[in-house]
C-alpha atoms as a PDB file:
ATOM      1  CA  MET A   1      32.449 -60.694  28.448  1.00  0.00           C
ATOM      2  CA  PRO A   2      32.783 -64.169  30.083  1.00  0.00           C
ATOM      3  CA  GLU A   3      35.661 -66.346  29.028  1.00  0.00           C
ATOM      4  CA  ASP A   4      35.079 -69.728  27.491  1.00  0.00           C
ATOM      5  CA  PRO A   5      35.666 -72.423  30.104  1.00  0.00           C
ATOM      6  CA  LEU A   6      38.802 -74.493  29.825  1.00  0.00           C
ATOM      7  CA  SER A   7      38.473 -78.191  29.199  1.00  0.00           C
ATOM      8  CA  GLY A   8      38.716 -80.153  32.443  1.00  0.00           C
ATOM      9  CA  SER A   9      41.335 -82.336  30.837  1.00  0.00           C
ATOM     10  CA  ARG A  10      43.588 -79.286  30.445  1.00  0.00           C
ATOM     11  CA  VAL A  11      43.282 -77.931  33.998  1.00  0.00           C
ATOM     12  CA  LYS A  12      45.564 -79.781  36.398  1.00  0.00           C
ATOM     13  CA  ALA A  13      46.108 -79.810  40.131  1.00  0.00           C
ATOM     14  CA  THR A  14      49.331 -81.020  41.678  1.00  0.00           C
ATOM     15  CA  THR A  15      49.678 -82.502  45.152  1.00  0.00           C
ATOM     16  CA  LYS A  16      52.507 -84.328  46.877  1.00  0.00           C
ATOM     17  CA  HIS A  17      50.949 -87.522  45.494  1.00  0.00           C
ATOM     18  CA  GLY A  18      50.931 -86.492  41.862  1.00  0.00           C
ATOM     19  CA  THR A  19      49.054 -84.480  39.270  1.00  0.00           C
ATOM     20  CA  LEU A  20      45.392 -84.901  38.389  1.00  0.00           C
ATOM     21  CA  THR A  21      43.214 -83.179  35.823  1.00  0.00           C
ATOM     22  CA  VAL A  22      39.932 -81.584  36.847  1.00  0.00           C
ATOM     23  CA  ASP A  23      38.187 -84.303  34.821  1.00  0.00           C
ATOM     24  CA  GLU A  24      39.975 -86.996  36.869  1.00  0.00           C
ATOM     25  CA  ILE A  25      39.029 -85.270  40.122  1.00  0.00           C
ATOM     26  CA  ALA A  26      35.404 -85.013  38.949  1.00  0.00           C
ATOM     27  CA  ALA A  27      35.373 -88.723  38.094  1.00  0.00           C
ATOM     28  CA  MET A  28      36.367 -89.554  41.690  1.00  0.00           C
ATOM     29  CA  GLN A  29      33.381 -87.729  43.154  1.00  0.00           C
ATOM     30  CA  PRO A  30      30.760 -90.013  44.661  1.00  0.00           C
ATOM     31  CA  GLY A  31      27.670 -90.801  42.638  1.00  0.00           C
ATOM     32  CA  MET A  32      24.151 -91.299  43.932  1.00  0.00           C
ATOM     33  CA  ALA A  33      24.747 -94.897  44.998  1.00  0.00           C
ATOM     34  CA  ARG A  34      27.543 -93.900  47.393  1.00  0.00           C
ATOM     35  CA  LEU A  35      25.721 -90.805  48.611  1.00  0.00           C
ATOM     36  CA  MET A  36      22.482 -92.723  49.186  1.00  0.00           C
ATOM     37  CA  ASP A  37      24.373 -95.329  51.177  1.00  0.00           C
ATOM     38  CA  GLU A  38      25.663 -92.553  53.438  1.00  0.00           C
ATOM     39  CA  LEU A  39      22.158 -91.114  53.740  1.00  0.00           C
ATOM     40  CA  ALA A  40      20.761 -94.522  54.686  1.00  0.00           C
ATOM     41  CA  HIS A  41      23.334 -94.866  57.466  1.00  0.00           C
ATOM     42  CA  ARG A  42      22.597 -91.369  58.776  1.00  0.00           C
ATOM     43  CA  TYR A  43      18.847 -92.049  58.637  1.00  0.00           C
ATOM     44  CA  TRP A  44      19.376 -95.264  60.615  1.00  0.00           C
ATOM     45  CA  VAL A  45      21.412 -93.501  63.312  1.00  0.00           C
ATOM     46  CA  LEU A  46      18.912 -90.630  63.362  1.00  0.00           C
ATOM     47  CA  TYR A  47      16.060 -92.955  64.308  1.00  0.00           C
ATOM     48  CA  TYR A  48      17.818 -94.752  67.129  1.00  0.00           C
ATOM     49  CA  ALA A  49      19.374 -91.567  68.496  1.00  0.00           C
ATOM     50  CA  ALA A  50      15.913 -90.019  68.832  1.00  0.00           C
ATOM     51  CA  LYS A  51      14.477 -93.244  70.242  1.00  0.00           C
ATOM     52  CA  GLY A  52      17.273 -93.394  72.810  1.00  0.00           C
ATOM     53  CA  GLY A  53      16.742 -89.775  73.833  1.00  0.00           C
ATOM     54  CA  ASN A  54      20.012 -88.524  72.358  1.00  0.00           C
ATOM     55  CA  TRP A  55      18.313 -85.565  70.692  1.00  0.00           C
ATOM     56  CA  GLU A  56      21.623 -83.811  70.110  1.00  0.00           C
ATOM     57  CA  LEU A  57      22.896 -86.681  67.970  1.00  0.00           C
ATOM     58  CA  ALA A  58      19.525 -86.900  66.215  1.00  0.00           C
ATOM     59  CA  ARG A  59      19.719 -83.159  65.463  1.00  0.00           C
ATOM     60  CA  TYR A  60      23.239 -83.568  64.112  1.00  0.00           C
ATOM     61  CA  MET A  61      22.252 -86.492  61.861  1.00  0.00           C
ATOM     62  CA  GLU A  62      19.215 -84.605  60.577  1.00  0.00           C
ATOM     63  CA  ARG A  63      21.315 -81.541  59.655  1.00  0.00           C
ATOM     64  CA  GLU A  64      24.017 -83.666  58.041  1.00  0.00           C
ATOM     65  CA  SER A  65      21.365 -85.551  56.072  1.00  0.00           C
ATOM     66  CA  GLU A  66      19.979 -82.291  54.704  1.00  0.00           C
ATOM     67  CA  LYS A  67      23.491 -81.211  53.679  1.00  0.00           C
ATOM     68  CA  LEU A  68      23.918 -84.542  51.959  1.00  0.00           C
ATOM     69  CA  LEU A  69      20.692 -84.019  49.994  1.00  0.00           C
ATOM     70  CA  LYS A  70      22.141 -80.712  48.733  1.00  0.00           C
ATOM     71  CA  THR A  71      25.343 -82.485  47.720  1.00  0.00           C
ATOM     72  CA  MET A  72      23.257 -85.055  45.847  1.00  0.00           C
ATOM     73  CA  ALA A  73      21.501 -82.254  43.970  1.00  0.00           C
ATOM     74  CA  LEU A  74      24.887 -80.894  42.874  1.00  0.00           C
ATOM     75  CA  ALA A  75      26.172 -84.318  41.885  1.00  0.00           C
ATOM     76  CA  ARG A  76      23.024 -85.257  39.953  1.00  0.00           C
ATOM     77  CA  PRO A  77      21.100 -82.132  38.884  1.00  0.00           C
ATOM     78  CA  LYS A  78      18.279 -84.174  37.338  1.00  0.00           C
ATOM     79  CA  TYR A  79      17.166 -85.043  40.896  1.00  0.00           C
ATOM     80  CA  LYS A  80      17.543 -81.489  42.267  1.00  0.00           C
ATOM     81  CA  GLU A  81      13.848 -80.566  42.394  1.00  0.00           C
ATOM     82  CA  ASP A  82      12.730 -83.845  43.963  1.00  0.00           C
ATOM     83  CA  LEU A  83      15.555 -83.743  46.498  1.00  0.00           C
ATOM     84  CA  ALA A  84      14.511 -80.225  47.523  1.00  0.00           C
ATOM     85  CA  VAL A  85      10.887 -81.335  47.900  1.00  0.00           C
ATOM     86  CA  PHE A  86      11.967 -84.371  49.908  1.00  0.00           C
ATOM     87  CA  ALA A  87      14.066 -82.194  52.208  1.00  0.00           C
ATOM     88  CA  LYS A  88      11.205 -79.768  52.767  1.00  0.00           C
ATOM     89  CA  GLU A  89       8.350 -82.242  53.102  1.00  0.00           C
ATOM     90  CA  ARG A  90      10.154 -85.036  54.947  1.00  0.00           C
ATOM     91  CA  PHE A  91      13.134 -83.584  56.807  1.00  0.00           C
ATOM     92  CA  GLU A  92      11.541 -80.349  58.027  1.00  0.00           C
ATOM     93  CA  PRO A  93       8.884 -82.251  60.053  1.00  0.00           C
ATOM     94  CA  ILE A  94      11.630 -84.474  61.451  1.00  0.00           C
ATOM     95  CA  ALA A  95      13.653 -81.395  62.443  1.00  0.00           C
ATOM     96  CA  ARG A  96      10.630 -79.824  64.169  1.00  0.00           C
ATOM     97  CA  ALA A  97       9.967 -83.035  66.111  1.00  0.00           C
ATOM     98  CA  ILE A  98      13.605 -83.178  67.180  1.00  0.00           C
ATOM     99  CA  GLU A  99      13.524 -79.559  68.374  1.00  0.00           C
ATOM    100  CA  ALA A 100      10.406 -80.343  70.405  1.00  0.00           C
ATOM    101  CA  GLU A 101      11.928 -83.646  71.556  1.00  0.00           C
ATOM    102  CA  ASP A 102       8.593 -85.196  70.582  1.00  0.00           C
ATOM    103  CA  TRP A 103       9.101 -88.902  69.971  1.00  0.00           C
ATOM    104  CA  ASP A 104       5.603 -89.555  68.594  1.00  0.00           C
ATOM    105  CA  ALA A 105       5.830 -86.728  66.044  1.00  0.00           C
ATOM    106  CA  PHE A 106       9.358 -87.798  65.187  1.00  0.00           C
ATOM    107  CA  GLU A 107       8.466 -91.429  64.572  1.00  0.00           C
ATOM    108  CA  SER A 108       5.488 -90.484  62.400  1.00  0.00           C
ATOM    109  CA  ALA A 109       7.547 -88.043  60.300  1.00  0.00           C
ATOM    110  CA  TYR A 110      10.386 -90.550  60.058  1.00  0.00           C
ATOM    111  CA  ARG A 111       8.103 -93.320  58.759  1.00  0.00           C
ATOM    112  CA  ARG A 112       6.608 -90.939  56.177  1.00  0.00           C
ATOM    113  CA  GLY A 113      10.152 -90.304  54.966  1.00  0.00           C
ATOM    114  CA  ILE A 114      10.668 -94.006  54.336  1.00  0.00           C
ATOM    115  CA  GLU A 115       7.383 -94.236  52.434  1.00  0.00           C
ATOM    116  CA  ALA A 116       8.324 -91.204  50.311  1.00  0.00           C
ATOM    117  CA  SER A 117      11.746 -92.633  49.491  1.00  0.00           C
ATOM    118  CA  ASP A 118      10.057 -95.711  48.061  1.00  0.00           C
ATOM    119  CA  VAL A 119       7.882 -93.474  45.843  1.00  0.00           C
ATOM    120  CA  TYR A 120      10.915 -91.605  44.520  1.00  0.00           C
ATOM    121  CA  HIS A 121      12.815 -94.802  43.849  1.00  0.00           C
ATOM    122  CA  GLU A 122       9.843 -96.058  41.833  1.00  0.00           C
ATOM    123  CA  LYS A 123       9.667 -92.752  39.934  1.00  0.00           C
ATOM    124  CA  TYR A 124      13.281 -93.160  38.808  1.00  0.00           C
ATOM    125  CA  ASN A 125      12.926 -96.851  37.880  1.00  0.00           C
ATOM    126  CA  LYS A 126      14.750 -98.025  40.992  1.00  0.00           C
ATOM    127  CA  ALA A 127      11.803 -99.728  42.710  1.00  0.00           C
ATOM    128  CA  PHE A 128      14.179-102.507  43.719  1.00  0.00           C
ATOM    129  CA  ILE A 129      15.741-100.040  46.205  1.00  0.00           C
ATOM    130  CA  ARG A 130      13.605 -99.925  49.339  1.00  0.00           C
ATOM    131  CA  PHE A 131      15.002 -98.587  52.597  1.00  0.00           C
ATOM    132  CA  ARG A 132      14.087-100.620  55.644  1.00  0.00           C
ATOM    133  CA  LEU A 133      14.977 -99.546  59.145  1.00  0.00           C
ATOM    134  CA  PRO A 134      17.173-102.222  60.727  1.00  0.00           C
ATOM    135  CA  GLY A 135      15.574-103.795  63.785  1.00  0.00           C
ATOM    136  CA  HIS A 136      18.571-102.890  65.930  1.00  0.00           C
ATOM    137  CA  PRO A 137      20.533 -99.706  66.587  1.00  0.00           C
ATOM    138  CA  PRO A 138      23.990 -99.156  65.156  1.00  0.00           C
ATOM    139  CA  GLU A 139      26.610-100.216  67.646  1.00  0.00           C
ATOM    140  CA  TRP A 140      29.193 -97.501  67.040  1.00  0.00           C
ATOM    141  CA  PHE A 141      27.388 -94.618  68.809  1.00  0.00           C
ATOM    142  CA  ASP A 142      26.213 -93.977  72.343  1.00  0.00           C
ATOM    143  CA  LEU A 143      22.551 -93.461  71.580  1.00  0.00           C
ATOM    144  CA  GLY A 144      21.356 -92.704  75.087  1.00  0.00           C
ATOM    145  CA  PRO A 145      20.543 -89.295  76.552  1.00  0.00           C
ATOM    146  CA  GLN A 146      23.539 -87.022  77.031  1.00  0.00           C
END
């Protein structure tokens, strides 16, 4: 017979910096706004890495983006189904294009991902959020072929 869960305010963790309840730790976890900001940065790097021929970095950013989508589904279960569909329909074609090192297929799949993100933002009454690919690459990575 399963035990009743303990209240998160009663379960505490102690570190060298102090004691926190599970509820306090949960409150510190990033919400969708912070996670989406990270996804936007990864998606930006992903594009310019592929464009520059750094397929290894593009592959890394694609995989990390998919992991991030799974984290988002845990953080906000109401989006779980749509996040899974987005990963399958938008990131799988990107991953295949990266594996093939096919720039044309990559760019097409990438642009469809942007269009789909706008649809999902509208669905959740966030139409004011519209990702746009910056017209320049991020400056903190070597985006050329390795």
